[in-house]
Amino acid sequence: MEQSTTILKTIDGLRIFCRELLVDAPRAELLIVHGFGEHSGRYGHVMSYFAERGYSASAIDVRGHGRSDGRRGHCDRFSAFYDDVDALVDHVRGRASGAPLVLVAHSHGGLVGLGYSVNRDHPFAALVVSAPLLRLKLPVPIWKTAAARFLSRVAPSLALGNEIRSEDLTHDPQMVAAHKADDLCLEVATSRWYTEMVAAQGALVDRVAELVTPLLLMQGSADKLVDPEATRHFFELVPAESKELQWYDGFYHEIFNETDRARVLADVERWLGTQLPETRAAEAHT
């Protein structure tokens, strides 16, 4: 199986880059949304793992990231990322495979995906979210927050260093080296993105009671970028009847790129098997 690529169009006319790995009669369609500062190309091993097990996968570069249009590390409004997901949903629905749709989202993508799920009329049968960006691990000083709010008004596209260190993402030295060498990974974020992200965090907590879609929430306990306890607290608030929290002791932020990522992928596969209805497509891959 080989990946293919295509270009999607958003409602505001941006070109969104999409990678796909498709199978015949899929068990489900996985829609993958990456974290801040990275891109869909870093999820090739995830796509391959699930394609080998009968799942189709499509992954986008959200605006301002990877090979998609948009100012790097920027958004005018956080809901613009929901427009990117809309484009992906419309594209996958257009295949009319009849398979259930599952959102797989990491970090910033997790905040996007969870926000999308309560703000848009979504088609997802299940949500798989790793290390969602619900709260930063290190508190931002008050002066820095005030400066960001001021700059968001007067210089919204001002790019500042995002302080993401490759060494804080995973214990795997090869993955660390690959991240450092990846020219598509960003080192900046804009002031407007920051204030919009903070607002989206608060808005999501305010509407958590609407999150009833089956949810697998996954978190590394040694995450240095997002606060693991914020993930745990959010999970407790989610009212979905079917929900599970997978806690990975000692894992850093990128659990899909950790040294024991095979366990993470197997956990996702197991959970999906408990959530998705049995179909003839599933039987074809057993």
C-alpha atoms as a PDB file:
ATOM      1  CA  MET A   1       0.000   0.000   0.000  1.00  0.00           C
ATOM      2  CA  GLU A   2       1.233   3.460  -0.884  1.00  0.00           C
ATOM      3  CA  GLN A   3       0.187   6.853   0.356  1.00  0.00           C
ATOM      4  CA  SER A   4      -1.444   9.278  -2.015  1.00  0.00           C
ATOM      5  CA  THR A   5      -1.890  13.014  -1.634  1.00  0.00           C
ATOM      6  CA  THR A   6      -4.576  15.469  -2.584  1.00  0.00           C
ATOM      7  CA  ILE A   7      -5.465  19.117  -2.051  1.00  0.00           C
ATOM      8  CA  LEU A   8      -8.671  20.077  -0.250  1.00  0.00           C
ATOM      9  CA  LYS A   9     -10.330  23.484  -0.307  1.00  0.00           C
ATOM     10  CA  THR A  10     -11.720  25.247   2.756  1.00  0.00           C
ATOM     11  CA  ILE A  11     -14.766  27.468   2.850  1.00  0.00           C
ATOM     12  CA  ASP A  12     -12.461  30.512   2.901  1.00  0.00           C
ATOM     13  CA  GLY A  13     -10.500  29.316  -0.129  1.00  0.00           C
ATOM     14  CA  LEU A  14      -7.326  27.921   1.445  1.00  0.00           C
ATOM     15  CA  ARG A  15      -5.626  24.852   0.012  1.00  0.00           C
ATOM     16  CA  ILE A  16      -5.246  22.111   2.619  1.00  0.00           C
ATOM     17  CA  PHE A  17      -2.729  19.349   1.990  1.00  0.00           C
ATOM     18  CA  CYS A  18      -3.988  15.819   2.678  1.00  0.00           C
ATOM     19  CA  ARG A  19      -2.231  12.446   2.796  1.00  0.00           C
ATOM     20  CA  GLU A  20      -4.218   9.235   2.415  1.00  0.00           C
ATOM     21  CA  LEU A  21      -3.701   5.520   2.771  1.00  0.00           C
ATOM     22  CA  LEU A  22      -6.838   3.722   1.628  1.00  0.00           C
ATOM     23  CA  VAL A  23      -7.986   0.111   1.764  1.00  0.00           C
ATOM     24  CA  ASP A  24     -10.912  -1.706   0.165  1.00  0.00           C
ATOM     25  CA  ALA A  25     -14.052  -2.060   2.315  1.00  0.00           C
ATOM     26  CA  PRO A  26     -12.513  -0.360   5.371  1.00  0.00           C
ATOM     27  CA  ARG A  27     -13.528  -1.151   8.931  1.00  0.00           C
ATOM     28  CA  ALA A  28     -13.518   2.608   9.531  1.00  0.00           C
ATOM     29  CA  GLU A  29     -12.190   5.848   8.067  1.00  0.00           C
ATOM     30  CA  LEU A  30      -9.606   7.459  10.357  1.00  0.00           C
ATOM     31  CA  LEU A  31      -9.327  11.258  10.065  1.00  0.00           C
ATOM     32  CA  ILE A  32      -6.027  12.420  11.590  1.00  0.00           C
ATOM     33  CA  VAL A  33      -5.308  15.951  12.878  1.00  0.00           C
ATOM     34  CA  HIS A  34      -1.732  16.671  13.987  1.00  0.00           C
ATOM     35  CA  GLY A  35      -0.341  18.840  16.787  1.00  0.00           C
ATOM     36  CA  PHE A  36       0.892  22.421  16.730  1.00  0.00           C
ATOM     37  CA  GLY A  37       4.081  23.036  14.793  1.00  0.00           C
ATOM     38  CA  GLU A  38       4.109  19.654  13.055  1.00  0.00           C
ATOM     39  CA  HIS A  39       2.355  18.105  10.057  1.00  0.00           C
ATOM     40  CA  SER A  40       0.603  15.031   8.675  1.00  0.00           C
ATOM     41  CA  GLY A  41       3.800  13.473   7.377  1.00  0.00           C
ATOM     42  CA  ARG A  42       4.782  12.560  10.933  1.00  0.00           C
ATOM     43  CA  TYR A  43       1.848  10.119  11.124  1.00  0.00           C
ATOM     44  CA  GLY A  44       2.841   7.814   8.286  1.00  0.00           C
ATOM     45  CA  HIS A  45       3.575   4.926  10.666  1.00  0.00           C
ATOM     46  CA  VAL A  46       0.177   5.373  12.320  1.00  0.00           C
ATOM     47  CA  MET A  47      -1.558   5.289   8.950  1.00  0.00           C
ATOM     48  CA  SER A  48       0.381   2.192   7.870  1.00  0.00           C
ATOM     49  CA  TYR A  49      -0.357   0.344  11.113  1.00  0.00           C
ATOM     50  CA  PHE A  50      -4.091   0.787  10.721  1.00  0.00           C
ATOM     51  CA  ALA A  51      -4.148   0.247   6.963  1.00  0.00           C
ATOM     52  CA  GLU A  52      -2.569  -3.171   7.559  1.00  0.00           C
ATOM     53  CA  ARG A  53      -5.493  -3.900   9.882  1.00  0.00           C
ATOM     54  CA  GLY A  54      -8.227  -2.815   7.509  1.00  0.00           C
ATOM     55  CA  TYR A  55      -8.637   0.891   8.259  1.00  0.00           C
ATOM     56  CA  SER A  56      -8.389   3.730   5.754  1.00  0.00           C
ATOM     57  CA  ALA A  57      -6.627   6.861   7.026  1.00  0.00           C
ATOM     58  CA  SER A  58      -6.578  10.472   5.853  1.00  0.00           C
ATOM     59  CA  ALA A  59      -4.408  13.133   7.506  1.00  0.00           C
ATOM     60  CA  ILE A  60      -4.336  16.866   6.821  1.00  0.00           C
ATOM     61  CA  ASP A  61      -1.883  19.663   7.422  1.00  0.00           C
ATOM     62  CA  VAL A  62      -4.025  22.303   9.131  1.00  0.00           C
ATOM     63  CA  ARG A  63      -3.718  25.887   7.918  1.00  0.00           C
ATOM     64  CA  GLY A  64      -0.391  27.516   8.616  1.00  0.00           C
ATOM     65  CA  HIS A  65       1.330  24.138   8.897  1.00  0.00           C
ATOM     66  CA  GLY A  66       3.166  21.690   6.668  1.00  0.00           C
ATOM     67  CA  ARG A  67       2.285  22.032   2.998  1.00  0.00           C
ATOM     68  CA  SER A  68      -1.034  23.815   3.518  1.00  0.00           C
ATOM     69  CA  ASP A  69      -1.767  27.476   2.853  1.00  0.00           C
ATOM     70  CA  GLY A  70      -1.780  30.090   5.575  1.00  0.00           C
ATOM     71  CA  ARG A  71       0.649  32.185   7.602  1.00  0.00           C
ATOM     72  CA  ARG A  72       2.917  29.894   9.611  1.00  0.00           C
ATOM     73  CA  GLY A  73       1.714  29.165  13.147  1.00  0.00           C
ATOM     74  CA  HIS A  74      -1.195  31.578  12.839  1.00  0.00           C
ATOM     75  CA  CYS A  75      -4.972  31.761  12.852  1.00  0.00           C
ATOM     76  CA  ASP A  76      -7.257  34.774  12.754  1.00  0.00           C
ATOM     77  CA  ARG A  77      -9.855  32.808  14.733  1.00  0.00           C
ATOM     78  CA  PHE A  78      -9.564  29.367  16.283  1.00  0.00           C
ATOM     79  CA  SER A  79     -12.722  28.165  14.544  1.00  0.00           C
ATOM     80  CA  ALA A  80     -10.823  28.444  11.249  1.00  0.00           C
ATOM     81  CA  PHE A  81      -9.215  25.130  12.196  1.00  0.00           C
ATOM     82  CA  TYR A  82     -12.734  23.662  12.340  1.00  0.00           C
ATOM     83  CA  ASP A  83     -13.121  24.755   8.718  1.00  0.00           C
ATOM     84  CA  ASP A  84     -10.047  22.670   7.880  1.00  0.00           C
ATOM     85  CA  VAL A  85     -11.634  19.640   9.555  1.00  0.00           C
ATOM     86  CA  ASP A  86     -14.862  20.355   7.662  1.00  0.00           C
ATOM     87  CA  ALA A  87     -12.914  20.113   4.403  1.00  0.00           C
ATOM     88  CA  LEU A  88     -11.475  16.767   5.466  1.00  0.00           C
ATOM     89  CA  VAL A  89     -14.869  15.437   6.575  1.00  0.00           C
ATOM     90  CA  ASP A  90     -16.489  16.459   3.291  1.00  0.00           C
ATOM     91  CA  HIS A  91     -13.676  14.809   1.335  1.00  0.00           C
ATOM     92  CA  VAL A  92     -13.882  11.508   3.201  1.00  0.00           C
ATOM     93  CA  ARG A  93     -17.680  11.477   3.078  1.00  0.00           C
ATOM     94  CA  GLY A  94     -17.403  11.932  -0.681  1.00  0.00           C
ATOM     95  CA  ARG A  95     -15.836   8.471  -0.967  1.00  0.00           C
ATOM     96  CA  ALA A  96     -19.099   7.011   0.337  1.00  0.00           C
ATOM     97  CA  SER A  97     -17.369   3.923   1.707  1.00  0.00           C
ATOM     98  CA  GLY A  98     -20.146   3.488   4.249  1.00  0.00           C
ATOM     99  CA  ALA A  99     -17.574   2.941   7.010  1.00  0.00           C
ATOM    100  CA  PRO A 100     -17.836   4.830  10.311  1.00  0.00           C
ATOM    101  CA  LEU A 101     -15.673   7.932  10.683  1.00  0.00           C
ATOM    102  CA  VAL A 102     -13.217   8.191  13.588  1.00  0.00           C
ATOM    103  CA  LEU A 103     -11.302  11.324  14.523  1.00  0.00           C
ATOM    104  CA  VAL A 104      -7.706  10.736  15.663  1.00  0.00           C
ATOM    105  CA  ALA A 105      -6.178  13.939  17.015  1.00  0.00           C
ATOM    106  CA  HIS A 106      -3.054  14.929  18.940  1.00  0.00           C
ATOM    107  CA  SER A 107      -2.246  17.902  21.195  1.00  0.00           C
ATOM    108  CA  HIS A 108      -3.335  21.105  19.406  1.00  0.00           C
ATOM    109  CA  GLY A 109      -5.210  18.804  17.051  1.00  0.00           C
ATOM    110  CA  GLY A 110      -6.918  17.377  20.118  1.00  0.00           C
ATOM    111  CA  LEU A 111      -8.108  20.831  21.145  1.00  0.00           C
ATOM    112  CA  VAL A 112      -9.293  21.373  17.569  1.00  0.00           C
ATOM    113  CA  GLY A 113     -11.015  17.992  17.409  1.00  0.00           C
ATOM    114  CA  LEU A 114     -12.749  18.261  20.769  1.00  0.00           C
ATOM    115  CA  GLY A 115     -13.835  21.815  20.005  1.00  0.00           C
ATOM    116  CA  TYR A 116     -15.086  20.723  16.608  1.00  0.00           C
ATOM    117  CA  SER A 117     -17.123  17.981  18.239  1.00  0.00           C
ATOM    118  CA  VAL A 118     -19.134  20.450  20.327  1.00  0.00           C
ATOM    119  CA  ASN A 119     -19.277  23.309  17.815  1.00  0.00           C
ATOM    120  CA  ARG A 120     -20.073  21.547  14.543  1.00  0.00           C
ATOM    121  CA  ASP A 121     -22.597  18.928  13.460  1.00  0.00           C
ATOM    122  CA  HIS A 122     -20.008  16.185  13.294  1.00  0.00           C
ATOM    123  CA  PRO A 123     -20.240  12.659  11.825  1.00  0.00           C
ATOM    124  CA  PHE A 124     -17.774  10.856  14.097  1.00  0.00           C
ATOM    125  CA  ALA A 125     -18.587   7.468  15.564  1.00  0.00           C
ATOM    126  CA  ALA A 126     -15.678   7.806  17.993  1.00  0.00           C
ATOM    127  CA  LEU A 127     -12.916  10.202  19.085  1.00  0.00           C
ATOM    128  CA  VAL A 128      -9.312   9.175  19.795  1.00  0.00           C
ATOM    129  CA  VAL A 129      -7.387  12.055  21.376  1.00  0.00           C
ATOM    130  CA  SER A 130      -3.812  12.049  22.674  1.00  0.00           C
ATOM    131  CA  ALA A 131      -2.306  14.685  24.971  1.00  0.00           C
ATOM    132  CA  PRO A 132      -4.903  17.377  24.186  1.00  0.00           C
ATOM    133  CA  LEU A 133      -3.755  20.978  24.540  1.00  0.00           C
ATOM    134  CA  LEU A 134      -6.096  21.805  27.408  1.00  0.00           C
ATOM    135  CA  ARG A 135      -3.483  23.573  29.539  1.00  0.00           C
ATOM    136  CA  LEU A 136       0.219  24.207  29.065  1.00  0.00           C
ATOM    137  CA  LYS A 137       2.506  22.344  31.419  1.00  0.00           C
ATOM    138  CA  LEU A 138       4.539  25.409  32.389  1.00  0.00           C
ATOM    139  CA  PRO A 139       2.399  28.369  33.492  1.00  0.00           C
ATOM    140  CA  VAL A 140       2.809  31.426  31.275  1.00  0.00           C
ATOM    141  CA  PRO A 141       3.853  34.489  33.330  1.00  0.00           C
ATOM    142  CA  ILE A 142       1.152  37.142  33.738  1.00  0.00           C
ATOM    143  CA  TRP A 143       3.276  39.747  31.973  1.00  0.00           C
ATOM    144  CA  LYS A 144       3.739  37.456  28.983  1.00  0.00           C
ATOM    145  CA  THR A 145       0.001  36.746  28.771  1.00  0.00           C
ATOM    146  CA  ALA A 146      -0.744  40.468  28.930  1.00  0.00           C
ATOM    147  CA  ALA A 147       1.827  41.136  26.209  1.00  0.00           C
ATOM    148  CA  ALA A 148       0.296  38.441  23.996  1.00  0.00           C
ATOM    149  CA  ARG A 149      -3.174  39.957  24.403  1.00  0.00           C
ATOM    150  CA  PHE A 150      -1.865  43.390  23.489  1.00  0.00           C
ATOM    151  CA  LEU A 151       0.073  42.100  20.488  1.00  0.00           C
ATOM    152  CA  SER A 152      -2.932  40.057  19.355  1.00  0.00           C
ATOM    153  CA  ARG A 153      -4.771  43.354  18.871  1.00  0.00           C
ATOM    154  CA  VAL A 154      -2.012  45.496  17.409  1.00  0.00           C
ATOM    155  CA  ALA A 155       0.227  42.918  15.691  1.00  0.00           C
ATOM    156  CA  PRO A 156      -1.789  39.679  15.416  1.00  0.00           C
ATOM    157  CA  SER A 157       0.568  38.008  12.956  1.00  0.00           C
ATOM    158  CA  LEU A 158       3.738  38.754  14.910  1.00  0.00           C
ATOM    159  CA  ALA A 159       5.684  35.474  15.046  1.00  0.00           C
ATOM    160  CA  LEU A 160       7.477  34.500  18.246  1.00  0.00           C
ATOM    161  CA  GLY A 161       9.397  31.377  19.196  1.00  0.00           C
ATOM    162  CA  ASN A 162       7.048  28.571  20.277  1.00  0.00           C
ATOM    163  CA  GLU A 163       9.626  27.015  22.646  1.00  0.00           C
ATOM    164  CA  ILE A 164       8.920  23.453  21.494  1.00  0.00           C
ATOM    165  CA  ARG A 165      12.060  21.372  22.110  1.00  0.00           C
ATOM    166  CA  SER A 166      12.490  18.153  20.147  1.00  0.00           C
ATOM    167  CA  GLU A 167      13.942  16.476  23.253  1.00  0.00           C
ATOM    168  CA  ASP A 168      10.694  17.066  25.145  1.00  0.00           C
ATOM    169  CA  LEU A 169       8.544  15.182  22.637  1.00  0.00           C
ATOM    170  CA  THR A 170       9.762  11.579  22.972  1.00  0.00           C
ATOM    171  CA  HIS A 171      12.462   9.408  24.542  1.00  0.00           C
ATOM    172  CA  ASP A 172      13.239   7.886  21.124  1.00  0.00           C
ATOM    173  CA  PRO A 173      16.516   9.462  19.895  1.00  0.00           C
ATOM    174  CA  GLN A 174      15.732   8.686  16.261  1.00  0.00           C
ATOM    175  CA  MET A 175      12.386  10.457  16.504  1.00  0.00           C
ATOM    176  CA  VAL A 176      14.059  13.415  18.225  1.00  0.00           C
ATOM    177  CA  ALA A 177      16.640  13.644  15.438  1.00  0.00           C
ATOM    178  CA  ALA A 178      13.938  13.373  12.764  1.00  0.00           C
ATOM    179  CA  HIS A 179      11.966  16.203  14.351  1.00  0.00           C
ATOM    180  CA  LYS A 180      15.047  18.431  14.505  1.00  0.00           C
ATOM    181  CA  ALA A 181      15.831  17.747  10.839  1.00  0.00           C
ATOM    182  CA  ASP A 182      12.252  18.260   9.621  1.00  0.00           C
ATOM    183  CA  ASP A 183      12.021  21.580   7.782  1.00  0.00           C
ATOM    184  CA  LEU A 184       8.210  21.434   7.875  1.00  0.00           C
ATOM    185  CA  CYS A 185       8.119  21.556  11.687  1.00  0.00           C
ATOM    186  CA  LEU A 186       7.587  25.091  12.964  1.00  0.00           C
ATOM    187  CA  GLU A 187       9.573  27.020  15.537  1.00  0.00           C
ATOM    188  CA  VAL A 188       7.155  29.950  15.721  1.00  0.00           C
ATOM    189  CA  ALA A 189       3.640  30.847  16.816  1.00  0.00           C
ATOM    190  CA  THR A 190       1.818  34.152  16.452  1.00  0.00           C
ATOM    191  CA  SER A 191       0.289  36.294  19.167  1.00  0.00           C
ATOM    192  CA  ARG A 192      -3.212  35.906  17.720  1.00  0.00           C
ATOM    193  CA  TRP A 193      -2.898  32.121  17.647  1.00  0.00           C
ATOM    194  CA  TYR A 194      -1.965  32.158  21.333  1.00  0.00           C
ATOM    195  CA  THR A 195      -4.930  34.242  22.467  1.00  0.00           C
ATOM    196  CA  GLU A 196      -7.318  32.273  20.258  1.00  0.00           C
ATOM    197  CA  MET A 197      -5.948  29.013  21.651  1.00  0.00           C
ATOM    198  CA  VAL A 198      -6.462  30.151  25.251  1.00  0.00           C
ATOM    199  CA  ALA A 199     -10.016  31.260  24.442  1.00  0.00           C
ATOM    200  CA  ALA A 200     -10.725  27.901  22.790  1.00  0.00           C
ATOM    201  CA  GLN A 201      -9.533  26.063  25.904  1.00  0.00           C
ATOM    202  CA  GLY A 202     -11.975  27.963  28.091  1.00  0.00           C
ATOM    203  CA  ALA A 203     -14.834  27.599  25.624  1.00  0.00           C
ATOM    204  CA  LEU A 204     -14.300  23.824  25.431  1.00  0.00           C
ATOM    205  CA  VAL A 205     -14.485  23.398  29.205  1.00  0.00           C
ATOM    206  CA  ASP A 206     -17.668  25.489  29.236  1.00  0.00           C
ATOM    207  CA  ARG A 207     -19.285  23.086  26.758  1.00  0.00           C
ATOM    208  CA  VAL A 208     -17.836  19.786  27.948  1.00  0.00           C
ATOM    209  CA  ALA A 209     -21.331  18.621  28.944  1.00  0.00           C
ATOM    210  CA  GLU A 210     -22.104  18.328  25.212  1.00  0.00           C
ATOM    211  CA  LEU A 211     -19.309  15.841  24.588  1.00  0.00           C
ATOM    212  CA  VAL A 212     -21.238  12.579  24.333  1.00  0.00           C
ATOM    213  CA  THR A 213     -19.389  10.845  21.475  1.00  0.00           C
ATOM    214  CA  PRO A 214     -17.401   7.750  22.578  1.00  0.00           C
ATOM    215  CA  LEU A 215     -13.978   9.013  23.615  1.00  0.00           C
ATOM    216  CA  LEU A 216     -10.558   7.439  24.092  1.00  0.00           C
ATOM    217  CA  LEU A 217      -8.318   9.950  25.866  1.00  0.00           C
ATOM    218  CA  MET A 218      -4.602   9.127  26.021  1.00  0.00           C
ATOM    219  CA  GLN A 219      -1.899  10.853  28.050  1.00  0.00           C
ATOM    220  CA  GLY A 220       1.754  10.453  28.959  1.00  0.00           C
ATOM    221  CA  SER A 221       2.418  11.162  32.629  1.00  0.00           C
ATOM    222  CA  ALA A 222       5.790  12.856  31.966  1.00  0.00           C
ATOM    223  CA  ASP A 223       4.459  15.228  29.301  1.00  0.00           C
ATOM    224  CA  LYS A 224       6.513  18.439  29.356  1.00  0.00           C
ATOM    225  CA  LEU A 225       4.308  20.427  26.976  1.00  0.00           C
ATOM    226  CA  VAL A 226       0.721  19.948  28.157  1.00  0.00           C
ATOM    227  CA  ASP A 227      -0.425  19.403  31.728  1.00  0.00           C
ATOM    228  CA  PRO A 228      -1.340  15.722  32.251  1.00  0.00           C
ATOM    229  CA  GLU A 229      -3.582  16.629  35.187  1.00  0.00           C
ATOM    230  CA  ALA A 230      -5.657  18.879  32.931  1.00  0.00           C
ATOM    231  CA  THR A 231      -6.287  15.836  30.737  1.00  0.00           C
ATOM    232  CA  ARG A 232      -7.319  13.757  33.751  1.00  0.00           C
ATOM    233  CA  HIS A 233      -9.632  16.484  35.053  1.00  0.00           C
ATOM    234  CA  PHE A 234     -11.228  16.983  31.648  1.00  0.00           C
ATOM    235  CA  PHE A 235     -11.847  13.249  31.344  1.00  0.00           C
ATOM    236  CA  GLU A 236     -13.743  13.282  34.628  1.00  0.00           C
ATOM    237  CA  LEU A 237     -16.007  16.042  33.291  1.00  0.00           C
ATOM    238  CA  VAL A 238     -16.861  14.287  30.008  1.00  0.00           C
ATOM    239  CA  PRO A 239     -20.418  12.870  30.205  1.00  0.00           C
ATOM    240  CA  ALA A 240     -20.056  10.347  27.349  1.00  0.00           C
ATOM    241  CA  GLU A 241     -21.370   6.937  28.381  1.00  0.00           C
ATOM    242  CA  SER A 242     -18.463   5.269  26.589  1.00  0.00           C
ATOM    243  CA  LYS A 243     -15.138   6.799  27.568  1.00  0.00           C
ATOM    244  CA  GLU A 244     -11.702   5.515  28.520  1.00  0.00           C
ATOM    245  CA  LEU A 245      -8.533   7.163  29.817  1.00  0.00           C
ATOM    246  CA  GLN A 246      -5.252   5.487  28.905  1.00  0.00           C
ATOM    247  CA  TRP A 247      -2.397   6.698  31.115  1.00  0.00           C
ATOM    248  CA  TYR A 248       1.204   6.017  30.051  1.00  0.00           C
ATOM    249  CA  ASP A 249       3.623   6.286  32.952  1.00  0.00           C
ATOM    250  CA  GLY A 250       6.857   8.023  32.016  1.00  0.00           C
ATOM    251  CA  PHE A 251       5.824   8.848  28.436  1.00  0.00           C
ATOM    252  CA  TYR A 252       6.520  12.304  27.031  1.00  0.00           C
ATOM    253  CA  HIS A 253       4.180  14.356  24.850  1.00  0.00           C
ATOM    254  CA  GLU A 254       4.163  12.408  21.573  1.00  0.00           C
ATOM    255  CA  ILE A 255       2.915   9.008  22.674  1.00  0.00           C
ATOM    256  CA  PHE A 256       2.622   7.813  19.055  1.00  0.00           C
ATOM    257  CA  ASN A 257       6.372   8.445  18.687  1.00  0.00           C
ATOM    258  CA  GLU A 258       7.527   7.050  22.027  1.00  0.00           C
ATOM    259  CA  THR A 259       9.843   4.079  22.346  1.00  0.00           C
ATOM    260  CA  ASP A 260       6.893   1.832  23.245  1.00  0.00           C
ATOM    261  CA  ARG A 261       4.546   3.268  20.619  1.00  0.00           C
ATOM    262  CA  ALA A 262       3.514  -0.251  19.602  1.00  0.00           C
ATOM    263  CA  ARG A 263       1.585  -0.489  22.878  1.00  0.00           C
ATOM    264  CA  VAL A 264      -0.162   2.815  22.179  1.00  0.00           C
ATOM    265  CA  LEU A 265      -1.217   1.738  18.698  1.00  0.00           C
ATOM    266  CA  ALA A 266      -2.445  -1.613  20.021  1.00  0.00           C
ATOM    267  CA  ASP A 267      -4.490   0.187  22.681  1.00  0.00           C
ATOM    268  CA  VAL A 268      -6.184   2.297  20.027  1.00  0.00           C
ATOM    269  CA  GLU A 269      -6.883  -0.780  17.898  1.00  0.00           C
ATOM    270  CA  ARG A 270      -8.353  -2.635  20.880  1.00  0.00           C
ATOM    271  CA  TRP A 271     -10.580   0.281  21.873  1.00  0.00           C
ATOM    272  CA  LEU A 272     -11.856   0.795  18.344  1.00  0.00           C
ATOM    273  CA  GLY A 273     -12.780  -2.865  18.276  1.00  0.00           C
ATOM    274  CA  THR A 274     -15.059  -2.286  21.276  1.00  0.00           C
ATOM    275  CA  GLN A 275     -16.724   0.790  19.799  1.00  0.00           C
ATOM    276  CA  LEU A 276     -17.316   0.194  16.113  1.00  0.00           C
ATOM    277  CA  PRO A 277     -20.253  -1.884  14.906  1.00  0.00           C
ATOM    278  CA  GLU A 278     -19.579  -5.233  13.274  1.00  0.00           C
ATOM    279  CA  THR A 279     -19.934  -4.961   9.494  1.00  0.00           C
ATOM    280  CA  ARG A 280     -19.278  -7.056   6.458  1.00  0.00           C
ATOM    281  CA  ALA A 281     -16.264  -4.815   5.830  1.00  0.00           C
ATOM    282  CA  ALA A 282     -14.842  -5.773   9.212  1.00  0.00           C
ATOM    283  CA  GLU A 283     -15.425  -9.452   8.545  1.00  0.00           C
ATOM    284  CA  ALA A 284     -13.511  -9.121   5.276  1.00  0.00           C
ATOM    285  CA  HIS A 285     -10.370  -8.146   7.208  1.00  0.00           C
ATOM    286  CA  THR A 286     -10.494 -10.775   9.956  1.00  0.00           C
END
